Amino acid sequence: MFKVVLNRDNLEKAMLRHNLSRKLLAKKIGLSPSYLCRILAGKQAPTAAVRQQLLDYFKGSSFDDLFTIQENGAGNDD
């Protein structure tokens, strides 16, 4: 199995370029601040819809800029 995780460093750089706080970004893309915080902390993987919302908002960023695909192997506690 594979999972898509947020590239937190690149997203935070994009947020800085757009002068956005987490709370403001959440509002602009229609998420709750707590949900965005869980995604940024790596506690929850972004859904396909959330990934698309982020890509639509940060038009200058590619999928590979904002996300990483990880193999989700058995026994992996990450």
N, C-alpha and C. Protein backbone atom coordinates (compact mmCIF):
# COMPACT_ATOMS: atom_id res chain seq x y z
N MET A 1 0.84 -1.19 0.00
CA MET A 1 0.00 0.00 0.00
C MET A 1 0.88 1.25 0.00
N PHE A 2 0.33 2.29 -0.57
CA PHE A 2 1.02 3.56 -0.60
C PHE A 2 0.13 4.62 0.02
N LYS A 3 0.78 5.64 0.56
CA LYS A 3 0.01 6.77 1.06
C LYS A 3 0.70 8.06 0.63
N VAL A 4 -0.11 9.07 0.48
CA VAL A 4 0.40 10.39 0.09
C VAL A 4 0.47 11.24 1.34
N VAL A 5 1.66 11.78 1.61
CA VAL A 5 1.84 12.65 2.77
C VAL A 5 2.28 14.03 2.31
N LEU A 6 1.96 14.97 3.11
CA LEU A 6 2.30 16.35 2.82
C LEU A 6 3.79 16.60 3.02
N ASN A 7 4.39 17.35 2.12
CA ASN A 7 5.76 17.80 2.30
C ASN A 7 5.66 19.09 3.10
N ARG A 8 5.73 18.95 4.41
CA ARG A 8 5.47 20.06 5.32
C ARG A 8 6.39 21.26 5.07
N ASP A 9 7.68 20.99 4.88
CA ASP A 9 8.62 22.10 4.66
C ASP A 9 8.25 22.92 3.44
N ASN A 10 7.94 22.24 2.34
CA ASN A 10 7.60 22.98 1.11
C ASN A 10 6.27 23.72 1.24
N LEU A 11 5.30 23.11 1.93
CA LEU A 11 4.04 23.82 2.12
C LEU A 11 4.24 25.06 2.98
N GLU A 12 5.04 24.94 4.03
CA GLU A 12 5.27 26.09 4.89
C GLU A 12 6.02 27.20 4.14
N LYS A 13 6.92 26.83 3.24
CA LYS A 13 7.59 27.84 2.40
C LYS A 13 6.59 28.53 1.48
N ALA A 14 5.69 27.75 0.90
CA ALA A 14 4.65 28.33 0.04
C ALA A 14 3.74 29.26 0.85
N MET A 15 3.43 28.86 2.08
CA MET A 15 2.60 29.71 2.94
C MET A 15 3.31 31.02 3.25
N LEU A 16 4.62 30.96 3.49
CA LEU A 16 5.39 32.18 3.75
C LEU A 16 5.38 33.10 2.52
N ARG A 17 5.56 32.51 1.34
CA ARG A 17 5.55 33.32 0.11
C ARG A 17 4.21 34.03 -0.08
N HIS A 18 3.13 33.40 0.36
CA HIS A 18 1.79 33.98 0.23
C HIS A 18 1.36 34.73 1.50
N ASN A 19 2.26 34.82 2.48
CA ASN A 19 1.97 35.51 3.74
C ASN A 19 0.71 34.95 4.42
N LEU A 20 0.68 33.62 4.56
CA LEU A 20 -0.47 32.95 5.13
C LEU A 20 -0.13 32.27 6.46
N SER A 21 -1.01 32.41 7.42
CA SER A 21 -0.93 31.62 8.64
C SER A 21 -1.66 30.30 8.36
N ARG A 22 -1.51 29.34 9.25
CA ARG A 22 -2.25 28.08 9.09
C ARG A 22 -3.74 28.32 9.12
N LYS A 23 -4.17 29.18 10.03
CA LYS A 23 -5.59 29.46 10.18
C LYS A 23 -6.15 30.11 8.91
N LEU A 24 -5.42 31.05 8.34
CA LEU A 24 -5.89 31.73 7.13
C LEU A 24 -5.89 30.78 5.94
N LEU A 25 -4.87 29.95 5.81
CA LEU A 25 -4.86 28.97 4.72
C LEU A 25 -6.05 28.03 4.84
N ALA A 26 -6.30 27.54 6.04
CA ALA A 26 -7.44 26.64 6.25
C ALA A 26 -8.73 27.31 5.80
N LYS A 27 -8.90 28.56 6.16
CA LYS A 27 -10.11 29.29 5.78
C LYS A 27 -10.21 29.45 4.26
N LYS A 28 -9.10 29.79 3.62
CA LYS A 28 -9.11 30.04 2.18
C LYS A 28 -9.40 28.78 1.37
N ILE A 29 -8.99 27.61 1.87
CA ILE A 29 -9.24 26.40 1.10
C ILE A 29 -10.41 25.58 1.66
N GLY A 30 -11.09 26.11 2.66
CA GLY A 30 -12.32 25.49 3.15
C GLY A 30 -12.12 24.32 4.11
N LEU A 31 -11.05 24.37 4.90
CA LEU A 31 -10.80 23.34 5.90
C LEU A 31 -10.90 23.93 7.29
N SER A 32 -11.10 23.07 8.27
CA SER A 32 -11.03 23.56 9.64
C SER A 32 -9.54 23.68 10.00
N PRO A 33 -9.20 24.66 10.82
CA PRO A 33 -7.80 24.80 11.24
C PRO A 33 -7.26 23.54 11.92
N SER A 34 -8.10 22.85 12.69
CA SER A 34 -7.62 21.65 13.39
C SER A 34 -7.31 20.52 12.40
N TYR A 35 -8.11 20.40 11.34
CA TYR A 35 -7.86 19.37 10.32
C TYR A 35 -6.54 19.67 9.60
N LEU A 36 -6.34 20.93 9.22
CA LEU A 36 -5.09 21.31 8.56
C LEU A 36 -3.91 21.05 9.49
N CYS A 37 -4.05 21.33 10.76
CA CYS A 37 -2.98 21.10 11.74
C CYS A 37 -2.63 19.62 11.82
N ARG A 38 -3.63 18.74 11.81
CA ARG A 38 -3.38 17.30 11.84
C ARG A 38 -2.64 16.84 10.59
N ILE A 39 -2.98 17.43 9.45
CA ILE A 39 -2.28 17.09 8.21
C ILE A 39 -0.83 17.55 8.28
N LEU A 40 -0.63 18.77 8.73
CA LEU A 40 0.74 19.32 8.83
C LEU A 40 1.58 18.54 9.83
N ALA A 41 0.96 18.03 10.87
CA ALA A 41 1.69 17.26 11.88
C ALA A 41 1.95 15.82 11.43
N GLY A 42 1.37 15.43 10.31
CA GLY A 42 1.56 14.07 9.82
C GLY A 42 0.67 13.05 10.51
N LYS A 43 -0.30 13.52 11.28
CA LYS A 43 -1.21 12.62 11.99
C LYS A 43 -2.33 12.13 11.10
N GLN A 44 -2.56 12.82 10.01
CA GLN A 44 -3.61 12.45 9.08
C GLN A 44 -3.13 12.73 7.67
N ALA A 45 -3.38 11.79 6.76
CA ALA A 45 -3.01 11.99 5.36
C ALA A 45 -4.08 12.85 4.69
N PRO A 46 -3.67 13.77 3.82
CA PRO A 46 -4.65 14.59 3.13
C PRO A 46 -5.45 13.76 2.12
N THR A 47 -6.74 13.99 2.07
CA THR A 47 -7.58 13.29 1.09
C THR A 47 -7.25 13.82 -0.30
N ALA A 48 -7.73 13.12 -1.32
CA ALA A 48 -7.52 13.57 -2.69
C ALA A 48 -8.11 14.96 -2.90
N ALA A 49 -9.26 15.21 -2.30
CA ALA A 49 -9.90 16.53 -2.44
C ALA A 49 -9.05 17.63 -1.81
N VAL A 50 -8.48 17.36 -0.65
CA VAL A 50 -7.64 18.35 0.04
C VAL A 50 -6.36 18.58 -0.76
N ARG A 51 -5.79 17.50 -1.28
CA ARG A 51 -4.59 17.66 -2.11
C ARG A 51 -4.89 18.57 -3.30
N GLN A 52 -6.04 18.37 -3.93
CA GLN A 52 -6.40 19.20 -5.08
C GLN A 52 -6.64 20.65 -4.66
N GLN A 53 -7.25 20.85 -3.51
CA GLN A 53 -7.48 22.22 -3.02
C GLN A 53 -6.16 22.94 -2.81
N LEU A 54 -5.18 22.25 -2.25
CA LEU A 54 -3.87 22.86 -2.03
C LEU A 54 -3.17 23.16 -3.35
N LEU A 55 -3.25 22.23 -4.29
CA LEU A 55 -2.64 22.45 -5.60
C LEU A 55 -3.32 23.60 -6.34
N ASP A 56 -4.63 23.70 -6.22
CA ASP A 56 -5.36 24.80 -6.86
C ASP A 56 -4.98 26.14 -6.24
N TYR A 57 -4.80 26.16 -4.92
CA TYR A 57 -4.46 27.42 -4.26
C TYR A 57 -3.03 27.83 -4.56
N PHE A 58 -2.11 26.88 -4.47
CA PHE A 58 -0.70 27.17 -4.74
C PHE A 58 -0.37 26.77 -6.18
N LYS A 59 -0.90 27.54 -7.12
CA LYS A 59 -0.80 27.20 -8.54
C LYS A 59 0.63 27.03 -9.04
N GLY A 60 1.59 27.69 -8.43
CA GLY A 60 2.97 27.58 -8.88
C GLY A 60 3.68 26.32 -8.38
N SER A 61 2.99 25.53 -7.56
CA SER A 61 3.59 24.33 -6.98
C SER A 61 3.04 23.08 -7.67
N SER A 62 3.92 22.13 -7.89
CA SER A 62 3.50 20.86 -8.49
C SER A 62 3.14 19.87 -7.38
N PHE A 63 2.56 18.75 -7.78
CA PHE A 63 2.24 17.69 -6.83
C PHE A 63 3.50 17.28 -6.07
N ASP A 64 4.60 17.09 -6.80
CA ASP A 64 5.85 16.66 -6.17
C ASP A 64 6.45 17.72 -5.25
N ASP A 65 6.09 18.98 -5.44
CA ASP A 65 6.55 20.03 -4.53
C ASP A 65 5.87 19.91 -3.17
N LEU A 66 4.58 19.59 -3.19
CA LEU A 66 3.79 19.62 -1.96
C LEU A 66 3.59 18.27 -1.29
N PHE A 67 3.78 17.18 -2.03
CA PHE A 67 3.45 15.86 -1.48
C PHE A 67 4.54 14.84 -1.77
N THR A 68 4.56 13.80 -0.96
CA THR A 68 5.47 12.68 -1.13
C THR A 68 4.64 11.41 -1.05
N ILE A 69 4.98 10.44 -1.87
CA ILE A 69 4.31 9.14 -1.83
C ILE A 69 5.20 8.20 -1.05
N GLN A 70 4.63 7.59 0.01
CA GLN A 70 5.37 6.66 0.86
C GLN A 70 4.74 5.28 0.78
N GLU A 71 5.61 4.29 0.86
CA GLU A 71 5.11 2.93 0.95
C GLU A 71 4.70 2.67 2.40
N ASN A 72 3.53 2.15 2.57
CA ASN A 72 2.97 1.91 3.90
C ASN A 72 3.07 0.42 4.19
N GLY A 73 4.26 -0.04 4.58
CA GLY A 73 4.50 -1.47 4.79
C GLY A 73 3.99 -1.97 6.13
N ALA A 74 3.83 -3.26 6.23
CA ALA A 74 3.40 -3.87 7.48
C ALA A 74 4.48 -3.69 8.55
N GLY A 75 4.04 -3.42 9.77
CA GLY A 75 4.97 -3.25 10.88
C GLY A 75 5.64 -1.90 10.92
N ASN A 76 5.25 -0.98 10.04
CA ASN A 76 5.83 0.36 10.02
C ASN A 76 5.03 1.25 10.95
N ASP A 77 5.64 1.75 11.99
CA ASP A 77 4.94 2.56 12.99
C ASP A 77 4.94 4.05 12.67
N ASP A 78 5.38 4.44 11.50
CA ASP A 78 5.43 5.87 11.14
C ASP A 78 4.07 6.39 11.10
